[in-house]
Amino acid sequence: MKRLIALILIIQLSTLLASGARALDISIEKEKLTSDSSGFTFGIGWAGQEFLGGVTRDGLGYRKSALGLNGWLGFSYTWIYGAPTKQEIINAIDEVIRESGGAEQMHAYDLKMLTKKKLGDKTYSYFRLGTVYLLLPLIAQYGWMWPIGDSGRFQLGLGLPLLLNLAINFDF
């Protein structure tokens, strides 16, 4: 029984050491961090923001656009500007790898977090168009967004149907 336990521990330890010794495939990691994906968004506020819908983000979590139902019983689409471009993300990844001593020294999570830190949190601007009561095109706004951690964003905008838009969205 003791030999069996010792053998299992040796196998687990060797598996753990072997998995940590692998170098990152940089081309795969660059593709993951620059690819867009869709998620769910929930918002609290007034004047046209999506209170239930979807959001598009890149692999680092920078928002690109949002679409959903708004509080005016209509739909809104939001174009979000200010996120790093694909080339800026790739350049930041290359810098992080160079500063960290090469891909052999890194794990995927560390690469993502260090790249995001290098790019920094940014203020986004946005432009939103939408409808009220399903069909009336009455929402037109321009504003700014500030990230709240990895999953939230605070919005301050100006436009129709009210002069001021304040909202918080949570993206999953």
Protein backbone atom coordinates (compact mmCIF):
# COMPACT_ATOMS: atom_id res chain seq x y z
CA MET A 1 0.00 0.00 0.00
CA LYS A 2 2.83 2.42 0.86
CA ARG A 3 4.53 1.61 -2.44
CA LEU A 4 1.31 2.32 -4.34
CA ILE A 5 0.88 5.69 -2.64
CA ALA A 6 4.54 6.55 -3.32
CA LEU A 7 4.13 5.57 -6.98
CA ILE A 8 1.00 7.72 -7.36
CA LEU A 9 2.79 10.69 -5.76
CA ILE A 10 5.79 10.27 -8.08
CA ILE A 11 3.51 10.13 -11.14
CA GLN A 12 1.61 13.24 -10.03
CA LEU A 13 4.82 15.14 -9.30
CA SER A 14 6.39 14.23 -12.65
CA THR A 15 3.19 15.24 -14.47
CA LEU A 16 3.14 18.55 -12.61
CA LEU A 17 6.79 19.26 -13.40
CA ALA A 18 6.37 18.32 -17.06
CA SER A 19 3.33 20.55 -17.51
CA GLY A 20 5.11 23.56 -16.00
CA ALA A 21 8.20 23.10 -18.15
CA ARG A 22 6.43 23.62 -21.47
CA ALA A 23 7.10 26.88 -23.28
CA LEU A 24 4.18 28.95 -24.49
CA ASP A 25 3.24 28.76 -28.14
CA ILE A 26 3.41 32.49 -28.73
CA SER A 27 1.48 32.46 -32.01
CA ILE A 28 -1.46 30.68 -30.33
CA GLU A 29 -1.40 33.07 -27.35
CA LYS A 30 -1.31 36.11 -29.65
CA GLU A 31 -4.34 34.76 -31.51
CA LYS A 32 -6.23 34.15 -28.24
CA LEU A 33 -5.50 37.62 -26.88
CA THR A 34 -6.39 39.48 -30.09
CA SER A 35 -9.50 37.50 -31.07
CA ASP A 36 -12.94 38.93 -30.38
CA SER A 37 -15.52 36.98 -28.42
CA SER A 38 -19.09 37.64 -27.34
CA GLY A 39 -20.48 37.75 -23.85
CA PHE A 40 -23.51 38.79 -21.84
CA THR A 41 -24.08 42.30 -20.46
CA PHE A 42 -26.42 43.59 -17.77
CA GLY A 43 -26.82 47.31 -17.14
CA ILE A 44 -28.30 49.66 -14.57
CA GLY A 45 -29.04 53.26 -15.54
CA TRP A 46 -31.29 55.28 -17.78
CA ALA A 47 -31.42 56.93 -21.18
CA GLY A 48 -30.70 54.13 -23.60
CA GLN A 49 -27.88 51.89 -22.38
CA GLU A 50 -28.26 48.14 -22.84
CA PHE A 51 -29.85 46.70 -19.72
CA LEU A 52 -29.86 43.19 -21.15
CA GLY A 53 -27.83 42.09 -24.16
CA GLY A 54 -24.47 41.12 -25.55
CA VAL A 55 -21.02 42.64 -25.63
CA THR A 56 -18.03 41.96 -27.90
CA ARG A 57 -14.57 41.96 -26.29
CA ASP A 58 -11.08 40.92 -27.27
CA GLY A 59 -9.05 38.30 -25.37
CA LEU A 60 -7.80 40.91 -22.90
CA GLY A 61 -11.33 42.07 -22.07
CA TYR A 62 -11.29 45.39 -23.92
CA ARG A 63 -14.82 46.15 -25.14
CA LYS A 64 -15.56 46.71 -28.84
CA SER A 65 -19.37 46.94 -29.13
CA ALA A 66 -22.63 46.17 -27.35
CA LEU A 67 -26.14 45.32 -28.50
CA GLY A 68 -29.27 44.78 -26.46
CA LEU A 69 -32.60 45.79 -25.06
CA ASN A 70 -32.83 49.21 -23.44
CA GLY A 71 -35.08 50.65 -20.77
CA TRP A 72 -37.22 52.45 -23.34
CA LEU A 73 -38.61 49.12 -24.63
CA GLY A 74 -36.35 49.30 -27.64
CA PHE A 75 -32.96 48.23 -28.90
CA SER A 76 -29.57 49.93 -28.71
CA TYR A 77 -26.30 49.35 -30.52
CA THR A 78 -23.13 50.88 -29.11
CA TRP A 79 -19.84 51.35 -30.94
CA ILE A 80 -16.98 51.53 -28.44
CA TYR A 81 -13.74 53.32 -29.36
CA GLY A 82 -10.37 53.51 -27.64
CA ALA A 83 -9.47 49.85 -27.15
CA PRO A 84 -5.96 48.85 -28.21
CA THR A 85 -5.64 47.67 -31.79
CA LYS A 86 -4.56 44.17 -32.69
CA GLN A 87 -1.07 45.44 -33.56
CA GLU A 88 -0.74 47.32 -30.25
CA ILE A 89 -1.64 44.12 -28.37
CA ILE A 90 0.90 42.08 -30.37
CA ASN A 91 3.61 44.70 -29.73
CA ALA A 92 2.82 44.68 -25.99
CA ILE A 93 2.99 40.85 -25.93
CA ASP A 94 6.40 40.96 -27.60
CA GLU A 95 7.65 43.53 -25.07
CA VAL A 96 6.36 41.50 -22.11
CA ILE A 97 8.05 38.34 -23.39
CA ARG A 98 11.31 40.21 -24.00
CA GLU A 99 11.23 41.81 -20.54
CA SER A 100 10.38 38.50 -18.84
CA GLY A 101 13.27 36.56 -20.33
CA GLY A 102 11.44 34.61 -23.03
CA ALA A 103 8.37 32.45 -23.48
CA GLU A 104 9.93 29.55 -21.56
CA GLN A 105 9.61 31.57 -18.36
CA MET A 106 5.92 32.45 -18.75
CA HIS A 107 2.51 30.93 -18.23
CA ALA A 108 -0.50 31.98 -20.31
CA TYR A 109 -2.23 33.74 -17.40
CA ASP A 110 0.91 35.72 -16.54
CA LEU A 111 1.32 36.76 -20.18
CA LYS A 112 -2.28 37.99 -20.30
CA MET A 113 -2.08 39.96 -17.05
CA LEU A 114 1.33 41.53 -17.81
CA THR A 115 0.19 42.48 -21.33
CA LYS A 116 -2.95 44.09 -19.94
CA LYS A 117 -0.89 45.95 -17.35
CA LYS A 118 1.48 47.22 -20.05
CA LEU A 119 -1.43 48.48 -22.17
CA GLY A 120 -3.13 50.00 -19.12
CA ASP A 121 -6.75 50.79 -18.37
CA LYS A 122 -8.11 53.20 -20.89
CA THR A 123 -11.03 55.55 -21.10
CA TYR A 124 -13.27 54.61 -23.98
CA SER A 125 -15.54 56.82 -25.97
CA TYR A 126 -18.77 55.48 -27.41
CA PHE A 127 -21.50 56.29 -29.88
CA ARG A 128 -24.93 54.73 -29.41
CA LEU A 129 -27.98 54.56 -31.66
CA GLY A 130 -31.25 52.99 -30.67
CA THR A 131 -34.99 52.85 -30.74
CA VAL A 132 -37.71 53.50 -28.19
CA TYR A 133 -40.94 51.54 -28.03
CA LEU A 134 -39.41 49.01 -30.44
CA LEU A 135 -39.43 51.10 -33.64
CA LEU A 136 -39.04 54.85 -33.06
CA PRO A 137 -35.41 55.87 -33.76
CA LEU A 138 -34.90 58.30 -30.91
CA ILE A 139 -31.69 57.31 -29.14
CA ALA A 140 -28.48 59.03 -30.26
CA GLN A 141 -25.70 59.48 -27.71
CA TYR A 142 -21.99 60.18 -27.44
CA GLY A 143 -20.13 59.57 -24.22
CA TRP A 144 -17.26 58.07 -22.27
CA MET A 145 -16.73 54.76 -20.48
CA TRP A 146 -14.37 53.87 -17.68
CA PRO A 147 -13.59 50.23 -16.89
CA ILE A 148 -14.46 48.91 -13.44
CA GLY A 149 -12.23 45.88 -13.00
CA ASP A 150 -12.45 43.21 -15.69
CA SER A 151 -16.21 42.96 -15.87
CA GLY A 152 -17.70 46.41 -15.32
CA ARG A 153 -17.90 49.75 -17.07
CA PHE A 154 -19.26 53.12 -15.97
CA GLN A 155 -20.80 55.31 -18.68
CA LEU A 156 -21.42 59.04 -18.90
CA GLY A 157 -23.02 60.29 -22.09
CA LEU A 158 -24.86 63.15 -23.70
CA GLY A 159 -27.67 62.97 -26.23
CA LEU A 160 -31.24 61.84 -26.82
CA PRO A 161 -33.77 60.95 -25.39
CA LEU A 162 -32.49 62.58 -22.18
CA LEU A 163 -29.62 65.04 -22.13
CA LEU A 164 -27.56 62.98 -19.69
CA ASN A 165 -26.90 59.25 -19.57
CA LEU A 166 -25.40 57.61 -16.48
CA ALA A 167 -25.08 53.85 -16.35
CA ILE A 168 -23.10 50.89 -15.09
CA ASN A 169 -22.86 47.70 -17.12
CA PHE A 170 -21.51 44.34 -16.01
CA ASP A 171 -20.12 42.11 -18.76
CA PHE A 172 -19.80 38.35 -18.39
